[in-house]
Amino acid sequence: MFKNMTIKANRIVKAFEAIPLTIFLVYIRFVDAKNLQNWRSTFIICGLLSFLTVILFLYKKMLFNRLLLGTNMYFLCGGIAFITHQWWFVEIYNSLQASGILVWIIIVGIVSIFLNPRGFIGVQSPDKKSVKKFSL
């Protein structure tokens, strides 16, 4: 019975990983995208949620979905850039637009392939070479 409850709790925690992206997509649908102030509040809110997600996953020792981790890093760094007035970084995000998320996913992928034994695909295997091969 307790094992079943733990599995359900872990599924709820895993669903939390996508909340920053969901809120971001809903928020930008209803605001004026040309107003920098709207982007500021969006990135700060989603960055805070991304930070909480990363802390929760580290605390629970859960495996990150690499695609959502890249997305969450995008929001986290964007939120930090707005809070600390790093306008050069905000300008990079502005020029990249949505492809900035892909850049972060690629960064997470490269780091995962070379520094994590599970690679980008997140699979535990004694054959590290295959994990790296399939991660590419």
N, C-alpha and C. Protein backbone atom coordinates (compact mmCIF):
# COMPACT_ATOMS: atom_id res chain seq x y z
N MET A 1 0.82 -1.19 0.00
CA MET A 1 0.00 0.00 0.00
C MET A 1 0.87 1.26 0.00
N PHE A 2 1.90 1.29 0.86
CA PHE A 2 2.76 2.47 0.93
C PHE A 2 3.56 2.65 -0.35
N LYS A 3 3.94 1.53 -0.97
CA LYS A 3 4.68 1.61 -2.23
C LYS A 3 3.82 2.26 -3.31
N ASN A 4 2.55 1.91 -3.34
CA ASN A 4 1.61 2.48 -4.29
C ASN A 4 1.45 3.99 -4.07
N MET A 5 1.41 4.39 -2.80
CA MET A 5 1.29 5.82 -2.47
C MET A 5 2.54 6.57 -2.90
N THR A 6 3.71 5.95 -2.74
CA THR A 6 4.97 6.57 -3.14
C THR A 6 5.02 6.76 -4.65
N ILE A 7 4.55 5.77 -5.39
CA ILE A 7 4.53 5.88 -6.85
C ILE A 7 3.63 7.03 -7.27
N LYS A 8 2.46 7.15 -6.65
CA LYS A 8 1.53 8.24 -6.98
C LYS A 8 2.14 9.59 -6.63
N ALA A 9 2.79 9.67 -5.48
CA ALA A 9 3.43 10.92 -5.06
C ALA A 9 4.54 11.31 -6.03
N ASN A 10 5.32 10.33 -6.49
CA ASN A 10 6.39 10.61 -7.45
C ASN A 10 5.82 11.08 -8.79
N ARG A 11 4.69 10.54 -9.19
CA ARG A 11 4.05 11.00 -10.43
C ARG A 11 3.60 12.45 -10.31
N ILE A 12 3.09 12.81 -9.16
CA ILE A 12 2.67 14.19 -8.93
C ILE A 12 3.88 15.11 -8.98
N VAL A 13 4.97 14.69 -8.36
CA VAL A 13 6.20 15.49 -8.38
C VAL A 13 6.72 15.60 -9.81
N LYS A 14 6.69 14.51 -10.58
CA LYS A 14 7.14 14.55 -11.97
C LYS A 14 6.29 15.53 -12.79
N ALA A 15 5.00 15.59 -12.52
CA ALA A 15 4.12 16.51 -13.24
C ALA A 15 4.49 17.96 -12.92
N PHE A 16 5.00 18.20 -11.73
CA PHE A 16 5.39 19.55 -11.32
C PHE A 16 6.51 20.09 -12.20
N GLU A 17 7.28 19.20 -12.81
CA GLU A 17 8.41 19.59 -13.65
C GLU A 17 7.96 20.40 -14.87
N ALA A 18 6.75 20.17 -15.34
CA ALA A 18 6.25 20.86 -16.54
C ALA A 18 5.45 22.13 -16.22
N ILE A 19 5.22 22.41 -14.97
CA ILE A 19 4.39 23.57 -14.60
C ILE A 19 4.99 24.90 -15.06
N PRO A 20 6.30 25.14 -14.91
CA PRO A 20 6.83 26.43 -15.39
C PRO A 20 6.57 26.66 -16.88
N LEU A 21 6.76 25.64 -17.69
CA LEU A 21 6.52 25.78 -19.13
C LEU A 21 5.04 26.03 -19.41
N THR A 22 4.17 25.32 -18.72
CA THR A 22 2.74 25.49 -18.91
C THR A 22 2.30 26.90 -18.55
N ILE A 23 2.76 27.40 -17.42
CA ILE A 23 2.41 28.75 -17.00
C ILE A 23 2.97 29.77 -17.98
N PHE A 24 4.18 29.56 -18.44
CA PHE A 24 4.79 30.46 -19.42
C PHE A 24 3.94 30.54 -20.68
N LEU A 25 3.53 29.40 -21.21
CA LEU A 25 2.74 29.37 -22.44
C LEU A 25 1.38 30.03 -22.27
N VAL A 26 0.74 29.79 -21.14
CA VAL A 26 -0.56 30.42 -20.88
C VAL A 26 -0.39 31.92 -20.69
N TYR A 27 0.62 32.31 -19.93
CA TYR A 27 0.83 33.73 -19.62
C TYR A 27 1.12 34.54 -20.88
N ILE A 28 2.00 34.05 -21.74
CA ILE A 28 2.35 34.84 -22.93
C ILE A 28 1.23 34.87 -23.95
N ARG A 29 0.30 33.94 -23.83
CA ARG A 29 -0.85 33.93 -24.74
C ARG A 29 -1.77 35.14 -24.49
N PHE A 30 -1.81 35.60 -23.25
CA PHE A 30 -2.77 36.63 -22.88
C PHE A 30 -2.16 37.99 -22.58
N VAL A 31 -0.86 38.16 -22.77
CA VAL A 31 -0.24 39.47 -22.50
C VAL A 31 0.31 40.06 -23.79
N ASP A 32 0.61 41.35 -23.72
CA ASP A 32 1.22 42.04 -24.85
C ASP A 32 2.70 41.66 -24.89
N ALA A 33 3.09 40.88 -25.88
CA ALA A 33 4.47 40.37 -25.97
C ALA A 33 5.48 41.47 -26.29
N LYS A 34 5.02 42.61 -26.76
CA LYS A 34 5.94 43.70 -27.11
C LYS A 34 6.37 44.51 -25.89
N ASN A 35 5.68 44.33 -24.78
CA ASN A 35 5.99 45.07 -23.56
C ASN A 35 7.01 44.28 -22.74
N LEU A 36 8.20 44.87 -22.55
CA LEU A 36 9.28 44.19 -21.81
C LEU A 36 8.87 43.87 -20.37
N GLN A 37 8.04 44.71 -19.77
CA GLN A 37 7.61 44.48 -18.39
C GLN A 37 6.82 43.17 -18.27
N ASN A 38 6.05 42.84 -19.29
CA ASN A 38 5.32 41.56 -19.27
C ASN A 38 6.28 40.38 -19.31
N TRP A 39 7.34 40.49 -20.09
CA TRP A 39 8.34 39.42 -20.13
C TRP A 39 9.05 39.31 -18.79
N ARG A 40 9.31 40.45 -18.17
CA ARG A 40 9.99 40.45 -16.86
C ARG A 40 9.20 39.62 -15.85
N SER A 41 7.93 39.93 -15.70
CA SER A 41 7.13 39.20 -14.71
C SER A 41 6.98 37.72 -15.09
N THR A 42 6.85 37.44 -16.38
CA THR A 42 6.74 36.05 -16.83
C THR A 42 8.00 35.26 -16.47
N PHE A 43 9.15 35.83 -16.78
CA PHE A 43 10.41 35.12 -16.50
C PHE A 43 10.67 35.00 -15.01
N ILE A 44 10.32 36.00 -14.24
CA ILE A 44 10.55 35.92 -12.80
C ILE A 44 9.66 34.84 -12.18
N ILE A 45 8.39 34.81 -12.57
CA ILE A 45 7.48 33.79 -12.03
C ILE A 45 7.92 32.39 -12.46
N CYS A 46 8.18 32.21 -13.74
CA CYS A 46 8.58 30.89 -14.24
C CYS A 46 9.97 30.49 -13.74
N GLY A 47 10.85 31.47 -13.58
CA GLY A 47 12.17 31.19 -13.03
C GLY A 47 12.10 30.71 -11.59
N LEU A 48 11.22 31.35 -10.81
CA LEU A 48 11.04 30.93 -9.42
C LEU A 48 10.46 29.51 -9.36
N LEU A 49 9.47 29.24 -10.20
CA LEU A 49 8.90 27.89 -10.25
C LEU A 49 9.94 26.86 -10.71
N SER A 50 10.77 27.24 -11.65
CA SER A 50 11.83 26.35 -12.12
C SER A 50 12.83 26.06 -11.00
N PHE A 51 13.18 27.09 -10.25
CA PHE A 51 14.10 26.92 -9.12
C PHE A 51 13.51 25.95 -8.10
N LEU A 52 12.23 26.13 -7.78
CA LEU A 52 11.57 25.23 -6.83
C LEU A 52 11.52 23.80 -7.36
N THR A 53 11.31 23.66 -8.65
CA THR A 53 11.29 22.34 -9.27
C THR A 53 12.65 21.65 -9.14
N VAL A 54 13.70 22.37 -9.45
CA VAL A 54 15.05 21.80 -9.36
C VAL A 54 15.37 21.41 -7.91
N ILE A 55 15.04 22.28 -6.97
CA ILE A 55 15.28 21.98 -5.55
C ILE A 55 14.49 20.74 -5.14
N LEU A 56 13.22 20.66 -5.53
CA LEU A 56 12.38 19.51 -5.19
C LEU A 56 12.94 18.21 -5.77
N PHE A 57 13.37 18.24 -7.02
CA PHE A 57 13.91 17.03 -7.65
C PHE A 57 15.23 16.62 -7.00
N LEU A 58 16.06 17.58 -6.66
CA LEU A 58 17.31 17.25 -5.98
C LEU A 58 17.03 16.67 -4.60
N TYR A 59 16.08 17.25 -3.88
CA TYR A 59 15.71 16.76 -2.55
C TYR A 59 15.16 15.33 -2.62
N LYS A 60 14.31 15.08 -3.61
CA LYS A 60 13.69 13.76 -3.76
C LYS A 60 14.61 12.76 -4.48
N LYS A 61 15.76 13.26 -4.97
CA LYS A 61 16.71 12.44 -5.73
C LYS A 61 16.03 11.76 -6.93
N MET A 62 15.25 12.57 -7.64
CA MET A 62 14.53 12.08 -8.81
C MET A 62 15.28 12.44 -10.08
N LEU A 63 15.11 11.63 -11.10
CA LEU A 63 15.75 11.85 -12.38
C LEU A 63 15.01 12.94 -13.15
N PHE A 64 15.76 13.93 -13.64
CA PHE A 64 15.17 15.01 -14.42
C PHE A 64 14.86 14.55 -15.83
N ASN A 65 13.75 15.03 -16.37
CA ASN A 65 13.51 14.92 -17.81
C ASN A 65 14.42 15.96 -18.44
N ARG A 66 15.34 15.53 -19.29
CA ARG A 66 16.37 16.44 -19.81
C ARG A 66 15.77 17.58 -20.64
N LEU A 67 14.69 17.31 -21.37
CA LEU A 67 14.06 18.37 -22.16
C LEU A 67 13.45 19.43 -21.25
N LEU A 68 12.76 18.98 -20.21
CA LEU A 68 12.15 19.94 -19.28
C LEU A 68 13.20 20.62 -18.41
N LEU A 69 14.30 19.93 -18.12
CA LEU A 69 15.38 20.58 -17.38
C LEU A 69 15.97 21.72 -18.20
N GLY A 70 16.18 21.50 -19.50
CA GLY A 70 16.66 22.57 -20.37
C GLY A 70 15.70 23.75 -20.40
N THR A 71 14.42 23.45 -20.47
CA THR A 71 13.40 24.49 -20.46
C THR A 71 13.41 25.25 -19.14
N ASN A 72 13.51 24.51 -18.05
CA ASN A 72 13.54 25.15 -16.73
C ASN A 72 14.80 25.99 -16.53
N MET A 73 15.92 25.55 -17.08
CA MET A 73 17.15 26.35 -17.00
C MET A 73 16.98 27.66 -17.78
N TYR A 74 16.29 27.60 -18.91
CA TYR A 74 15.98 28.79 -19.70
C TYR A 74 15.21 29.80 -18.86
N PHE A 75 14.17 29.34 -18.17
CA PHE A 75 13.37 30.24 -17.34
C PHE A 75 14.16 30.74 -16.14
N LEU A 76 14.90 29.85 -15.51
CA LEU A 76 15.68 30.21 -14.33
C LEU A 76 16.70 31.29 -14.66
N CYS A 77 17.47 31.09 -15.72
CA CYS A 77 18.49 32.08 -16.10
C CYS A 77 17.85 33.37 -16.60
N GLY A 78 16.72 33.27 -17.30
CA GLY A 78 16.01 34.47 -17.73
C GLY A 78 15.49 35.26 -16.54
N GLY A 79 14.94 34.57 -15.56
CA GLY A 79 14.46 35.24 -14.35
C GLY A 79 15.59 35.91 -13.59
N ILE A 80 16.71 35.23 -13.46
CA ILE A 80 17.88 35.81 -12.79
C ILE A 80 18.38 37.03 -13.55
N ALA A 81 18.38 36.95 -14.88
CA ALA A 81 18.83 38.09 -15.70
C ALA A 81 17.95 39.31 -15.48
N PHE A 82 16.65 39.12 -15.40
CA PHE A 82 15.75 40.25 -15.16
C PHE A 82 15.91 40.81 -13.75
N ILE A 83 16.03 39.93 -12.76
CA ILE A 83 16.16 40.38 -11.37
C ILE A 83 17.46 41.15 -11.16
N THR A 84 18.55 40.68 -11.78
CA THR A 84 19.86 41.30 -11.57
C THR A 84 20.20 42.36 -12.63
N HIS A 85 19.21 42.67 -13.48
CA HIS A 85 19.37 43.71 -14.51
C HIS A 85 20.53 43.42 -15.46
N GLN A 86 20.66 42.18 -15.85
CA GLN A 86 21.67 41.79 -16.84
C GLN A 86 21.06 41.92 -18.23
N TRP A 87 20.95 43.17 -18.70
CA TRP A 87 20.22 43.45 -19.94
C TRP A 87 20.88 42.84 -21.16
N TRP A 88 22.19 42.65 -21.12
CA TRP A 88 22.87 41.99 -22.23
C TRP A 88 22.35 40.56 -22.40
N PHE A 89 22.09 39.89 -21.29
CA PHE A 89 21.57 38.53 -21.33
C PHE A 89 20.12 38.52 -21.81
N VAL A 90 19.35 39.50 -21.34
CA VAL A 90 17.96 39.64 -21.79
C VAL A 90 17.92 39.89 -23.29
N GLU A 91 18.88 40.68 -23.79
CA GLU A 91 18.95 40.94 -25.24
C GLU A 91 19.26 39.67 -26.03
N ILE A 92 20.10 38.81 -25.46
CA ILE A 92 20.37 37.52 -26.12
C ILE A 92 19.08 36.72 -26.21
N TYR A 93 18.35 36.65 -25.11
CA TYR A 93 17.07 35.95 -25.10
C TYR A 93 16.11 36.58 -26.10
N ASN A 94 16.11 37.91 -26.17
CA ASN A 94 15.23 38.63 -27.09
C ASN A 94 15.55 38.28 -28.54
N SER A 95 16.84 38.19 -28.86
CA SER A 95 17.22 37.88 -30.24
C SER A 95 16.97 36.40 -30.58
N LEU A 96 17.16 35.52 -29.60
CA LEU A 96 16.93 34.09 -29.83
C LEU A 96 15.45 33.73 -29.84
N GLN A 97 14.67 34.47 -29.06
CA GLN A 97 13.24 34.20 -28.86
C GLN A 97 13.05 32.76 -28.40
N ALA A 98 12.13 32.03 -29.01
CA ALA A 98 11.82 30.67 -28.54
C ALA A 98 12.96 29.69 -28.76
N SER A 99 13.85 29.98 -29.69
CA SER A 99 14.97 29.07 -29.93
C SER A 99 15.95 29.07 -28.76
N GLY A 100 15.84 30.04 -27.86
CA GLY A 100 16.65 30.03 -26.65
C GLY A 100 16.41 28.79 -25.81
N ILE A 101 15.17 28.32 -25.81
CA ILE A 101 14.86 27.08 -25.09
C ILE A 101 15.64 25.92 -25.71
N LEU A 102 15.70 25.87 -27.02
CA LEU A 102 16.44 24.80 -27.69
C LEU A 102 17.93 24.87 -27.37
N VAL A 103 18.46 26.08 -27.27
CA VAL A 103 19.87 26.24 -26.91
C VAL A 103 20.12 25.63 -25.53
N TRP A 104 19.22 25.91 -24.57
CA TRP A 104 19.38 25.34 -23.23
C TRP A 104 19.22 23.82 -23.23
N ILE A 105 18.32 23.30 -24.05
CA ILE A 105 18.17 21.85 -24.15
C ILE A 105 19.45 21.22 -24.70
N ILE A 106 20.06 21.86 -25.68
CA ILE A 106 21.33 21.36 -26.23
C ILE A 106 22.43 21.41 -25.18
N ILE A 107 22.49 22.50 -24.41
CA ILE A 107 23.50 22.61 -23.34
C ILE A 107 23.31 21.49 -22.32
N VAL A 108 22.06 21.29 -21.88
CA VAL A 108 21.77 20.21 -20.93
C VAL A 108 22.13 18.86 -21.54
N GLY A 109 21.85 18.69 -22.82
CA GLY A 109 22.18 17.44 -23.51
C GLY A 109 23.67 17.16 -23.53
N ILE A 110 24.45 18.16 -23.88
CA ILE A 110 25.91 18.00 -23.94
C ILE A 110 26.47 17.67 -22.55
N VAL A 111 26.02 18.41 -21.55
CA VAL A 111 26.49 18.16 -20.18
C VAL A 111 26.07 16.76 -19.73
N SER A 112 24.84 16.36 -20.04
CA SER A 112 24.35 15.03 -19.65
C SER A 112 25.14 13.91 -20.31
N ILE A 113 25.44 14.08 -21.59
CA ILE A 113 26.16 13.03 -22.32
C ILE A 113 27.55 12.80 -21.73
N PHE A 114 28.24 13.88 -21.40
CA PHE A 114 29.63 13.74 -20.97
C PHE A 114 29.83 13.65 -19.46
N LEU A 115 28.89 14.12 -18.67
CA LEU A 115 29.10 14.14 -17.22
C LEU A 115 28.15 13.24 -16.43
N ASN A 116 27.14 12.68 -17.09
CA ASN A 116 26.18 11.85 -16.39
C ASN A 116 26.23 10.43 -16.95
N PRO A 117 26.39 9.42 -16.10
CA PRO A 117 26.47 8.04 -16.61
C PRO A 117 25.19 7.59 -17.32
N ARG A 118 24.07 8.25 -17.07
CA ARG A 118 22.81 7.90 -17.73
C ARG A 118 22.64 8.61 -19.08
N GLY A 119 23.55 9.53 -19.38
CA GLY A 119 23.49 10.25 -20.66
C GLY A 119 22.26 11.13 -20.78
N PHE A 120 21.97 11.56 -21.99
CA PHE A 120 20.81 12.41 -22.24
C PHE A 120 19.52 11.61 -22.16
N ILE A 121 19.59 10.32 -22.48
CA ILE A 121 18.38 9.49 -22.49
C ILE A 121 17.95 9.08 -21.09
N GLY A 122 18.84 9.20 -20.10
CA GLY A 122 18.47 8.93 -18.71
C GLY A 122 18.28 7.46 -18.38
N VAL A 123 19.06 6.59 -19.00
CA VAL A 123 18.92 5.15 -18.77
C VAL A 123 20.15 4.62 -18.05
N GLN A 124 19.91 3.85 -16.99
CA GLN A 124 20.99 3.21 -16.26
C GLN A 124 21.40 1.95 -17.01
N SER A 125 22.67 1.84 -17.36
CA SER A 125 23.15 0.67 -18.10
C SER A 125 24.63 0.45 -17.79
N PRO A 126 25.05 -0.82 -17.71
CA PRO A 126 26.47 -1.07 -17.50
C PRO A 126 27.30 -0.72 -18.75
N ASP A 127 26.65 -0.65 -19.90
CA ASP A 127 27.33 -0.34 -21.16
C ASP A 127 27.27 1.17 -21.42
N LYS A 128 28.25 1.87 -20.88
CA LYS A 128 28.29 3.34 -20.98
C LYS A 128 28.42 3.82 -22.43
N LYS A 129 29.11 3.03 -23.24
CA LYS A 129 29.30 3.40 -24.65
C LYS A 129 27.95 3.46 -25.39
N SER A 130 27.09 2.49 -25.11
CA SER A 130 25.77 2.48 -25.75
C SER A 130 24.92 3.65 -25.29
N VAL A 131 25.02 3.97 -24.01
CA VAL A 131 24.26 5.11 -23.48
C VAL A 131 24.67 6.39 -24.19
N LYS A 132 25.98 6.60 -24.35
CA LYS A 132 26.45 7.80 -25.06
C LYS A 132 26.02 7.77 -26.52
N LYS A 133 26.10 6.61 -27.14
CA LYS A 133 25.73 6.48 -28.55
C LYS A 133 24.26 6.83 -28.76
N PHE A 134 23.39 6.29 -27.93
CA PHE A 134 21.96 6.54 -28.09
C PHE A 134 21.56 7.93 -27.58
N SER A 135 22.41 8.55 -26.79
CA SER A 135 22.14 9.92 -26.33
C SER A 135 22.39 10.93 -27.44
N LEU A 136 23.24 10.56 -28.39
CA LEU A 136 23.51 11.46 -29.51
C LEU A 136 22.39 11.35 -30.49
